[in-house]
Structure formats: structure tokens, C-alpha cells
């Protein structure tokens, strides 16, 4: 799987979609962002080179908050 990034500037949205292709990424983004679809600006439409963009499973990083 690869990460595909998009943004909606006027809505303060910067999002990452995990998908095997750009077409699949667009399909996944449409399910949640259909009302904003015509305002989406894709950051990358092709997988980035190297391992930085490849993930083995659909996960998010843990967040740790300390005081």
C-alpha cells in the first residue's frame, strides 16, 4: 500500500489515504469527502519513490501526550 496525500485549503484539511493506486485513493477519499470533492487538491498522484511511502498495513502511528 502507498500513501496519497491531499488537501482542502479553505477547510483546513490535510489528509492521507492508504491505497494501492491513485484511482483507489480517489475512491476512498470520495467516500468521506464527497461534499468537498471539487475543492480537493492532490499533493501526490504517484507513489513516492523508496520505502518512505510504502506501508505494510493500514495503520496510524500512536500518539503520546506527556505533560
PDB file of N, CA and C in Angstrom:
ATOM      1  N   UNK A   1       0.834  -1.187   0.000  1.00  0.00           N
ATOM      2  CA  UNK A   1       0.000   0.000   0.000  1.00  0.00           C
ATOM      3  C   UNK A   1       0.880   1.251   0.000  1.00  0.00           C
ATOM      4  N   UNK A   2       0.324   2.318  -0.523  1.00  0.00           N
ATOM      5  CA  UNK A   2       1.036   3.582  -0.593  1.00  0.00           C
ATOM      6  C   UNK A   2       0.192   4.682   0.037  1.00  0.00           C
ATOM      7  N   UNK A   3       0.853   5.757   0.395  1.00  0.00           N
ATOM      8  CA  UNK A   3       0.163   6.922   0.952  1.00  0.00           C
ATOM      9  C   UNK A   3      -0.033   7.951  -0.152  1.00  0.00           C
ATOM     10  N   UNK A   4      -1.253   8.433  -0.272  1.00  0.00           N
ATOM     11  CA  UNK A   4      -1.570   9.504  -1.210  1.00  0.00           C
ATOM     12  C   UNK A   4      -2.136  10.657  -0.380  1.00  0.00           C
ATOM     13  N   UNK A   5      -1.541  11.833  -0.532  1.00  0.00           N
ATOM     14  CA  UNK A   5      -1.913  12.981   0.279  1.00  0.00           C
ATOM     15  C   UNK A   5      -2.744  13.964  -0.523  1.00  0.00           C
ATOM     16  N   UNK A   6      -3.734  14.572   0.148  1.00  0.00           N
ATOM     17  CA  UNK A   6      -4.500  15.635  -0.474  1.00  0.00           C
ATOM     18  C   UNK A   6      -4.845  16.679   0.565  1.00  0.00           C
ATOM     19  N   UNK A   7      -5.274  17.839   0.075  1.00  0.00           N
ATOM     20  CA  UNK A   7      -5.654  18.935   0.979  1.00  0.00           C
ATOM     21  C   UNK A   7      -6.866  19.670   0.433  1.00  0.00           C
ATOM     22  N   UNK A   8      -7.573  20.297   1.361  1.00  0.00           N
ATOM     23  CA  UNK A   8      -8.632  21.250   1.036  1.00  0.00           C
ATOM     24  C   UNK A   8      -8.279  22.493   1.845  1.00  0.00           C
ATOM     25  N   UNK A   9      -7.659  23.454   1.196  1.00  0.00           N
ATOM     26  CA  UNK A   9      -7.100  24.605   1.903  1.00  0.00           C
ATOM     27  C   UNK A   9      -8.144  25.414   2.654  1.00  0.00           C
ATOM     28  N   UNK A  10      -9.262  25.707   2.030  1.00  0.00           N
ATOM     29  CA  UNK A  10     -10.245  26.560   2.682  1.00  0.00           C
ATOM     30  C   UNK A  10     -11.010  25.859   3.804  1.00  0.00           C
ATOM     31  N   UNK A  11     -10.817  24.543   3.949  1.00  0.00           N
ATOM     32  CA  UNK A  11     -11.448  23.795   5.031  1.00  0.00           C
ATOM     33  C   UNK A  11     -10.419  23.293   6.046  1.00  0.00           C
ATOM     34  N   UNK A  12      -9.152  23.698   5.898  1.00  0.00           N
ATOM     35  CA  UNK A  12      -8.069  23.279   6.791  1.00  0.00           C
ATOM     36  C   UNK A  12      -7.961  21.764   6.912  1.00  0.00           C
ATOM     37  N   UNK A  13      -8.003  21.094   5.772  1.00  0.00           N
ATOM     38  CA  UNK A  13      -7.909  19.634   5.739  1.00  0.00           C
ATOM     39  C   UNK A  13      -6.629  19.247   5.024  1.00  0.00           C
ATOM     40  N   UNK A  14      -5.837  18.393   5.658  1.00  0.00           N
ATOM     41  CA  UNK A  14      -4.677  17.759   5.033  1.00  0.00           C
ATOM     42  C   UNK A  14      -4.785  16.293   5.407  1.00  0.00           C
ATOM     43  N   UNK A  15      -4.975  15.440   4.429  1.00  0.00           N
ATOM     44  CA  UNK A  15      -5.323  14.048   4.702  1.00  0.00           C
ATOM     45  C   UNK A  15      -4.429  13.098   3.921  1.00  0.00           C
ATOM     46  N   UNK A  16      -4.308  11.896   4.449  1.00  0.00           N
ATOM     47  CA  UNK A  16      -3.533  10.830   3.824  1.00  0.00           C
ATOM     48  C   UNK A  16      -4.474   9.638   3.618  1.00  0.00           C
ATOM     49  N   UNK A  17      -4.419   9.059   2.423  1.00  0.00           N
ATOM     50  CA  UNK A  17      -5.224   7.885   2.105  1.00  0.00           C
ATOM     51  C   UNK A  17      -4.265   6.743   1.786  1.00  0.00           C
ATOM     52  N   UNK A  18      -4.497   5.577   2.371  1.00  0.00           N
ATOM     53  CA  UNK A  18      -3.706   4.389   2.080  1.00  0.00           C
ATOM     54  C   UNK A  18      -4.393   3.627   0.950  1.00  0.00           C
ATOM     55  N   UNK A  19      -3.663   3.392  -0.138  1.00  0.00           N
ATOM     56  CA  UNK A  19      -4.245   2.690  -1.284  1.00  0.00           C
ATOM     57  C   UNK A  19      -3.135   2.082  -2.137  1.00  0.00           C
ATOM     58  N   UNK A  20      -3.528   1.157  -3.004  1.00  0.00           N
ATOM     59  CA  UNK A  20      -2.576   0.526  -3.909  1.00  0.00           C
ATOM     60  C   UNK A  20      -2.376   1.321  -5.187  1.00  0.00           C
ATOM     61  N   UNK A  21      -3.316   2.199  -5.518  1.00  0.00           N
ATOM     62  CA  UNK A  21      -3.214   3.012  -6.730  1.00  0.00           C
ATOM     63  C   UNK A  21      -3.868   4.371  -6.474  1.00  0.00           C
ATOM     64  N   UNK A  22      -3.577   5.325  -7.367  1.00  0.00           N
ATOM     65  CA  UNK A  22      -4.183   6.651  -7.241  1.00  0.00           C
ATOM     66  C   UNK A  22      -5.696   6.569  -7.436  1.00  0.00           C
ATOM     67  N   UNK A  23      -6.153   5.721  -8.344  1.00  0.00           N
ATOM     68  CA  UNK A  23      -7.586   5.552  -8.554  1.00  0.00           C
ATOM     69  C   UNK A  23      -8.270   5.056  -7.282  1.00  0.00           C
ATOM     70  N   UNK A  24      -7.668   4.081  -6.621  1.00  0.00           N
ATOM     71  CA  UNK A  24      -8.217   3.573  -5.362  1.00  0.00           C
ATOM     72  C   UNK A  24      -8.206   4.661  -4.288  1.00  0.00           C
ATOM     73  N   UNK A  25      -7.161   5.469  -4.252  1.00  0.00           N
ATOM     74  CA  UNK A  25      -7.083   6.565  -3.278  1.00  0.00           C
ATOM     75  C   UNK A  25      -8.220   7.561  -3.503  1.00  0.00           C
ATOM     76  N   UNK A  26      -8.497   7.871  -4.759  1.00  0.00           N
ATOM     77  CA  UNK A  26      -9.592   8.799  -5.063  1.00  0.00           C
ATOM     78  C   UNK A  26     -10.927   8.213  -4.646  1.00  0.00           C
ATOM     79  N   UNK A  27     -11.121   6.922  -4.848  1.00  0.00           N
ATOM     80  CA  UNK A  27     -12.364   6.266  -4.444  1.00  0.00           C
ATOM     81  C   UNK A  27     -12.545   6.320  -2.930  1.00  0.00           C
ATOM     82  N   UNK A  28     -11.465   6.074  -2.198  1.00  0.00           N
ATOM     83  CA  UNK A  28     -11.539   6.113  -0.730  1.00  0.00           C
ATOM     84  C   UNK A  28     -11.792   7.536  -0.238  1.00  0.00           C
ATOM     85  N   UNK A  29     -11.135   8.521  -0.836  1.00  0.00           N
ATOM     86  CA  UNK A  29     -11.323   9.909  -0.428  1.00  0.00           C
ATOM     87  C   UNK A  29     -12.748  10.364  -0.702  1.00  0.00           C
ATOM     88  N   UNK A  30     -13.327   9.912  -1.812  1.00  0.00           N
ATOM     89  CA  UNK A  30     -14.687  10.315  -2.174  1.00  0.00           C
ATOM     90  C   UNK A  30     -15.705   9.867  -1.134  1.00  0.00           C
ATOM     91  N   UNK A  31     -15.491   8.709  -0.516  1.00  0.00           N
ATOM     92  CA  UNK A  31     -16.464   8.208   0.456  1.00  0.00           C
ATOM     93  C   UNK A  31     -16.620   9.135   1.654  1.00  0.00           C
ATOM     94  N   UNK A  32     -15.546   9.832   2.049  1.00  0.00           N
ATOM     95  CA  UNK A  32     -15.615  10.718   3.206  1.00  0.00           C
ATOM     96  C   UNK A  32     -15.704  12.193   2.834  1.00  0.00           C
ATOM     97  N   UNK A  33     -15.212  12.553   1.662  1.00  0.00           N
ATOM     98  CA  UNK A  33     -15.106  13.970   1.306  1.00  0.00           C
ATOM     99  C   UNK A  33     -15.891  14.335   0.058  1.00  0.00           C
ATOM    100  N   UNK A  34     -16.955  13.616  -0.232  1.00  0.00           N
ATOM    101  CA  UNK A  34     -17.767  13.899  -1.424  1.00  0.00           C
ATOM    102  C   UNK A  34     -18.263  15.349  -1.480  1.00  0.00           C
ATOM    103  N   UNK A  35     -18.732  15.939  -0.376  1.00  0.00           N
ATOM    104  CA  UNK A  35     -19.197  17.325  -0.446  1.00  0.00           C
ATOM    105  C   UNK A  35     -18.096  18.332  -0.807  1.00  0.00           C
ATOM    106  N   UNK A  36     -16.836  17.954  -0.560  1.00  0.00           N
ATOM    107  CA  UNK A  36     -15.706  18.844  -0.845  1.00  0.00           C
ATOM    108  C   UNK A  36     -14.925  18.407  -2.079  1.00  0.00           C
ATOM    109  N   UNK A  37     -15.453  17.462  -2.826  1.00  0.00           N
ATOM    110  CA  UNK A  37     -14.701  16.808  -3.883  1.00  0.00           C
ATOM    111  C   UNK A  37     -14.084  17.780  -4.885  1.00  0.00           C
ATOM    112  N   UNK A  38     -14.829  18.779  -5.328  1.00  0.00           N
ATOM    113  CA  UNK A  38     -14.305  19.690  -6.343  1.00  0.00           C
ATOM    114  C   UNK A  38     -13.302  20.691  -5.769  1.00  0.00           C
ATOM    115  N   UNK A  39     -13.056  20.666  -4.455  1.00  0.00           N
ATOM    116  CA  UNK A  39     -12.064  21.557  -3.836  1.00  0.00           C
ATOM    117  C   UNK A  39     -10.810  20.808  -3.385  1.00  0.00           C
ATOM    118  N   UNK A  40     -10.779  19.497  -3.600  1.00  0.00           N
ATOM    119  CA  UNK A  40      -9.618  18.689  -3.203  1.00  0.00           C
ATOM    120  C   UNK A  40      -8.454  18.958  -4.146  1.00  0.00           C
ATOM    121  N   UNK A  41      -7.282  19.167  -3.544  1.00  0.00           N
ATOM    122  CA  UNK A  41      -6.046  19.322  -4.303  1.00  0.00           C
ATOM    123  C   UNK A  41      -5.128  18.177  -3.887  1.00  0.00           C
ATOM    124  N   UNK A  42      -4.787  17.310  -4.833  1.00  0.00           N
ATOM    125  CA  UNK A  42      -3.926  16.172  -4.541  1.00  0.00           C
ATOM    126  C   UNK A  42      -2.481  16.618  -4.489  1.00  0.00           C
ATOM    127  N   UNK A  43      -1.764  16.198  -3.459  1.00  0.00           N
ATOM    128  CA  UNK A  43      -0.348  16.543  -3.287  1.00  0.00           C
ATOM    129  C   UNK A  43       0.510  15.617  -4.141  1.00  0.00           C
ATOM    130  N   UNK A  44       0.221  14.332  -4.109  1.00  0.00           N
ATOM    131  CA  UNK A  44       0.945  13.379  -4.951  1.00  0.00           C
ATOM    132  C   UNK A  44      -0.055  12.461  -5.644  1.00  0.00           C
ATOM    133  N   UNK A  45       0.124  12.268  -6.941  1.00  0.00           N
ATOM    134  CA  UNK A  45      -0.756  11.390  -7.708  1.00  0.00           C
ATOM    135  C   UNK A  45      -0.057  10.089  -8.082  1.00  0.00           C
ATOM    136  N   UNK A  46       1.233  10.008  -7.782  1.00  0.00           N
ATOM    137  CA  UNK A  46       2.005   8.778  -7.997  1.00  0.00           C
ATOM    138  C   UNK A  46       2.674   8.427  -6.679  1.00  0.00           C
ATOM    139  N   UNK A  47       2.847   7.129  -6.411  1.00  0.00           N
ATOM    140  CA  UNK A  47       3.552   6.750  -5.179  1.00  0.00           C
ATOM    141  C   UNK A  47       4.942   7.366  -5.147  1.00  0.00           C
ATOM    142  N   UNK A  48       5.352   7.827  -3.985  1.00  0.00           N
ATOM    143  CA  UNK A  48       6.688   8.387  -3.831  1.00  0.00           C
ATOM    144  C   UNK A  48       7.715   7.275  -3.950  1.00  0.00           C
ATOM    145  N   UNK A  49       8.914   7.618  -4.361  1.00  0.00           N
ATOM    146  CA  UNK A  49       9.953   6.599  -4.532  1.00  0.00           C
ATOM    147  C   UNK A  49      10.525   6.186  -3.182  1.00  0.00           C
ATOM    148  N   UNK A  50      10.989   4.971  -3.116  1.00  0.00           N
ATOM    149  CA  UNK A  50      11.612   4.471  -1.895  1.00  0.00           C
ATOM    150  C   UNK A  50      10.605   3.934  -0.900  1.00  0.00           C
ATOM    151  N   UNK A  51      11.106   3.548   0.265  1.00  0.00           N
ATOM    152  CA  UNK A  51      10.270   2.948   1.305  1.00  0.00           C
ATOM    153  C   UNK A  51       9.486   3.970   2.110  1.00  0.00           C
ATOM    154  N   UNK A  52       9.742   5.249   1.941  1.00  0.00           N
ATOM    155  CA  UNK A  52       9.086   6.264   2.758  1.00  0.00           C
ATOM    156  C   UNK A  52       7.585   6.292   2.555  1.00  0.00           C
ATOM    157  N   UNK A  53       7.105   5.786   1.416  1.00  0.00           N
ATOM    158  CA  UNK A  53       5.691   5.866   1.113  1.00  0.00           C
ATOM    159  C   UNK A  53       4.997   4.514   1.174  1.00  0.00           C
ATOM    160  N   UNK A  54       5.730   3.452   1.323  1.00  0.00           N
ATOM    161  CA  UNK A  54       5.161   2.120   1.323  1.00  0.00           C
ATOM    162  C   UNK A  54       4.889   1.667   2.755  1.00  0.00           C
ATOM    163  N   UNK A  55       3.690   1.150   2.985  1.00  0.00           N
ATOM    164  CA  UNK A  55       3.328   0.656   4.309  1.00  0.00           C
ATOM    165  C   UNK A  55       2.832  -0.776   4.179  1.00  0.00           C
ATOM    166  N   UNK A  56       3.048  -1.567   5.209  1.00  0.00           N
ATOM    167  CA  UNK A  56       2.661  -2.968   5.153  1.00  0.00           C
ATOM    168  C   UNK A  56       1.197  -3.183   5.504  1.00  0.00           C
ATOM    169  N   UNK A  57       0.616  -2.296   6.269  1.00  0.00           N
ATOM    170  CA  UNK A  57      -0.786  -2.430   6.625  1.00  0.00           C
ATOM    171  C   UNK A  57      -1.391  -1.055   6.849  1.00  0.00           C
ATOM    172  N   UNK A  58      -2.709  -1.030   6.908  1.00  0.00           N
ATOM    173  CA  UNK A  58      -3.442   0.228   7.041  1.00  0.00           C
ATOM    174  C   UNK A  58      -3.479   0.628   8.517  1.00  0.00           C
ATOM    175  N   UNK A  59      -2.440   1.350   8.985  1.00  0.00           N
ATOM    176  CA  UNK A  59      -2.333   1.715  10.393  1.00  0.00           C
ATOM    177  C   UNK A  59      -2.016   3.195  10.534  1.00  0.00           C
ATOM    178  N   UNK A  60      -2.157   3.681  11.732  1.00  0.00           N
ATOM    179  CA  UNK A  60      -1.731   5.033  12.058  1.00  0.00           C
ATOM    180  C   UNK A  60      -0.719   4.939  13.181  1.00  0.00           C
ATOM    181  N   UNK A  61       0.079   5.951  13.306  1.00  0.00           N
ATOM    182  CA  UNK A  61       1.092   5.977  14.371  1.00  0.00           C
ATOM    183  C   UNK A  61       0.434   6.263  15.719  1.00  0.00           C
ATOM    184  N   UNK A  62       0.947   5.691  16.791  1.00  0.00           N
ATOM    185  CA  UNK A  62       0.404   6.019  18.110  1.00  0.00           C
ATOM    186  C   UNK A  62       0.783   7.433  18.521  1.00  0.00           C
ATOM    187  N   UNK A  63      -0.096   8.064  19.256  1.00  0.00           N
ATOM    188  CA  UNK A  63       0.153   9.421  19.733  1.00  0.00           C
ATOM    189  C   UNK A  63       0.348   9.359  21.241  1.00  0.00           C
ATOM    190  N   UNK A  64       1.428   9.954  21.708  1.00  0.00           N
ATOM    191  CA  UNK A  64       1.720  10.011  23.136  1.00  0.00           C
ATOM    192  C   UNK A  64       1.738  11.463  23.578  1.00  0.00           C
ATOM    193  N   UNK A  65       0.960  11.778  24.569  1.00  0.00           N
ATOM    194  CA  UNK A  65       0.901  13.141  25.102  1.00  0.00           C
ATOM    195  C   UNK A  65       1.452  13.118  26.517  1.00  0.00           C
ATOM    196  N   UNK A  66       2.478  13.900  26.732  1.00  0.00           N
ATOM    197  CA  UNK A  66       3.037  13.967  28.073  1.00  0.00           C
ATOM    198  C   UNK A  66       3.047  15.402  28.559  1.00  0.00           C
ATOM    199  N   UNK A  67       2.951  15.567  29.843  1.00  0.00           N
ATOM    200  CA  UNK A  67       2.928  16.935  30.390  1.00  0.00           C
ATOM    201  C   UNK A  67       4.251  17.315  31.009  1.00  0.00           C
TER     202      UNK A  67
END
